[in-house]
Amino acid sequence: MNNEIDLEQYAIEMKELGEADLAEIYIHPFTAIAIIKQIQLATRIQLTWIDDSELDKVNKELNKVAIKAGKRIQELFDKNSEVYKSLEMGWNIEHNRAIRHEQ
């Protein structure tokens, strides 16, 4: 498998995906929690090795979309539940000192 990405083709495919119809899915609540927590972790990672400004713009936009999606999934849970409160805290980096990257 080639470790190179054709950035032009990637941009074309991402544009097509952005215009695609929505898909309806059904997931187990534990899966929803796992997805939200992974989004919370992934959106905190700074990809310092990226030196391509176009790819950096795409990644920033993907982060915005991921956070929005994670928060929409979180809405499946009762806002008064401890699970919801725990997930809500996960969006605030100050509540996640153990995973926070110190520079």
Protein backbone atom coordinates (compact mmCIF):
# COMPACT_ATOMS: atom_id res chain seq x y z
CA MET A 1 0.00 0.00 0.00
CA ASN A 2 1.26 3.43 -0.93
CA ASN A 3 1.82 5.79 2.03
CA GLU A 4 1.36 8.88 -0.15
CA ILE A 5 -1.95 10.71 -0.46
CA ASP A 6 -2.96 12.51 -3.63
CA LEU A 7 -4.10 15.76 -1.98
CA GLU A 8 -5.96 16.98 -5.04
CA GLN A 9 -7.98 13.77 -5.28
CA TYR A 10 -8.50 13.84 -1.49
CA ALA A 11 -9.95 17.37 -1.77
CA ILE A 12 -12.28 16.28 -4.58
CA GLU A 13 -13.50 13.28 -2.59
CA MET A 14 -14.02 15.35 0.57
CA LYS A 15 -16.08 17.87 -1.40
CA GLU A 16 -18.23 15.05 -2.78
CA LEU A 17 -18.73 13.64 0.73
CA GLY A 18 -19.69 17.08 2.00
CA GLU A 19 -22.50 17.18 -0.54
CA ALA A 20 -23.70 13.60 0.09
CA ASP A 21 -27.05 12.71 1.61
CA LEU A 22 -27.26 11.99 5.32
CA ALA A 23 -27.11 8.40 6.48
CA GLU A 24 -29.24 7.02 9.28
CA ILE A 25 -27.48 4.66 11.67
CA TYR A 26 -28.38 2.80 14.84
CA ILE A 27 -25.75 2.31 17.52
CA HIS A 28 -25.55 0.89 21.03
CA PRO A 29 -25.26 3.56 23.78
CA PHE A 30 -21.77 2.30 24.70
CA THR A 31 -20.75 2.77 21.06
CA ALA A 32 -22.08 6.34 21.17
CA ILE A 33 -20.04 7.05 24.30
CA ALA A 34 -16.92 5.53 22.74
CA ILE A 35 -17.35 7.62 19.58
CA ILE A 36 -17.82 10.83 21.57
CA LYS A 37 -14.77 10.16 23.75
CA GLN A 38 -12.62 9.35 20.71
CA ILE A 39 -13.75 12.56 19.02
CA GLN A 40 -12.86 14.50 22.17
CA LEU A 41 -9.37 12.98 22.19
CA ALA A 42 -8.75 13.22 18.46
CA THR A 43 -9.73 16.87 18.15
CA ARG A 44 -7.14 17.82 20.76
CA ILE A 45 -4.23 16.36 18.82
CA GLN A 46 -2.20 18.99 17.03
CA LEU A 47 -0.78 17.49 13.86
CA THR A 48 2.58 19.24 14.03
CA TRP A 49 3.96 17.21 11.15
CA ILE A 50 1.51 18.80 8.71
CA ASP A 51 3.28 21.39 6.61
CA ASP A 52 0.65 21.61 3.89
CA SER A 53 -1.64 24.60 4.45
CA GLU A 54 -4.49 23.11 2.38
CA LEU A 55 -4.42 19.85 4.33
CA ASP A 56 -4.25 21.83 7.57
CA LYS A 57 -7.43 23.73 6.55
CA VAL A 58 -9.18 20.43 5.81
CA ASN A 59 -8.14 18.98 9.17
CA LYS A 60 -9.38 22.08 11.03
CA GLU A 61 -12.71 21.82 9.22
CA LEU A 62 -12.91 18.09 10.00
CA ASN A 63 -12.30 18.92 13.68
CA LYS A 64 -15.21 21.37 13.64
CA VAL A 65 -17.47 18.80 12.00
CA ALA A 66 -16.31 16.06 14.39
CA ILE A 67 -17.04 18.18 17.45
CA LYS A 68 -20.47 19.09 16.08
CA ALA A 69 -21.20 15.41 15.37
CA GLY A 70 -19.99 14.36 18.82
CA LYS A 71 -22.22 16.90 20.50
CA ARG A 72 -25.19 15.78 18.40
CA ILE A 73 -24.59 12.17 19.42
CA GLN A 74 -24.34 13.33 23.04
CA GLU A 75 -27.88 14.70 22.73
CA LEU A 76 -29.11 11.09 22.67
CA PHE A 77 -28.51 10.98 26.42
CA ASP A 78 -30.68 12.55 29.13
CA LYS A 79 -29.17 15.95 29.96
CA ASN A 80 -29.72 15.29 33.68
CA SER A 81 -27.87 11.96 33.64
CA GLU A 82 -24.36 11.47 34.99
CA VAL A 83 -23.34 9.97 31.64
CA TYR A 84 -24.30 13.22 29.90
CA LYS A 85 -22.52 15.30 32.54
CA SER A 86 -19.39 13.18 32.15
CA LEU A 87 -19.47 13.56 28.36
CA GLU A 88 -20.05 17.30 28.68
CA MET A 89 -16.99 17.60 30.91
CA GLY A 90 -15.00 15.84 28.20
CA TRP A 91 -15.38 18.86 25.91
CA ASN A 92 -13.58 21.01 28.50
CA ILE A 93 -9.87 20.26 28.41
CA GLU A 94 -9.47 21.49 32.00
CA HIS A 95 -11.44 18.46 33.19
CA ASN A 96 -9.07 16.10 31.38
CA ARG A 97 -5.72 16.82 32.95
CA ALA A 98 -4.59 13.20 32.57
CA ILE A 99 -4.81 13.38 28.77
CA ARG A 100 -3.80 16.98 28.29
CA HIS A 101 -0.60 17.47 26.34
CA GLU A 102 1.73 19.88 28.13
CA GLN A 103 4.18 21.78 25.94
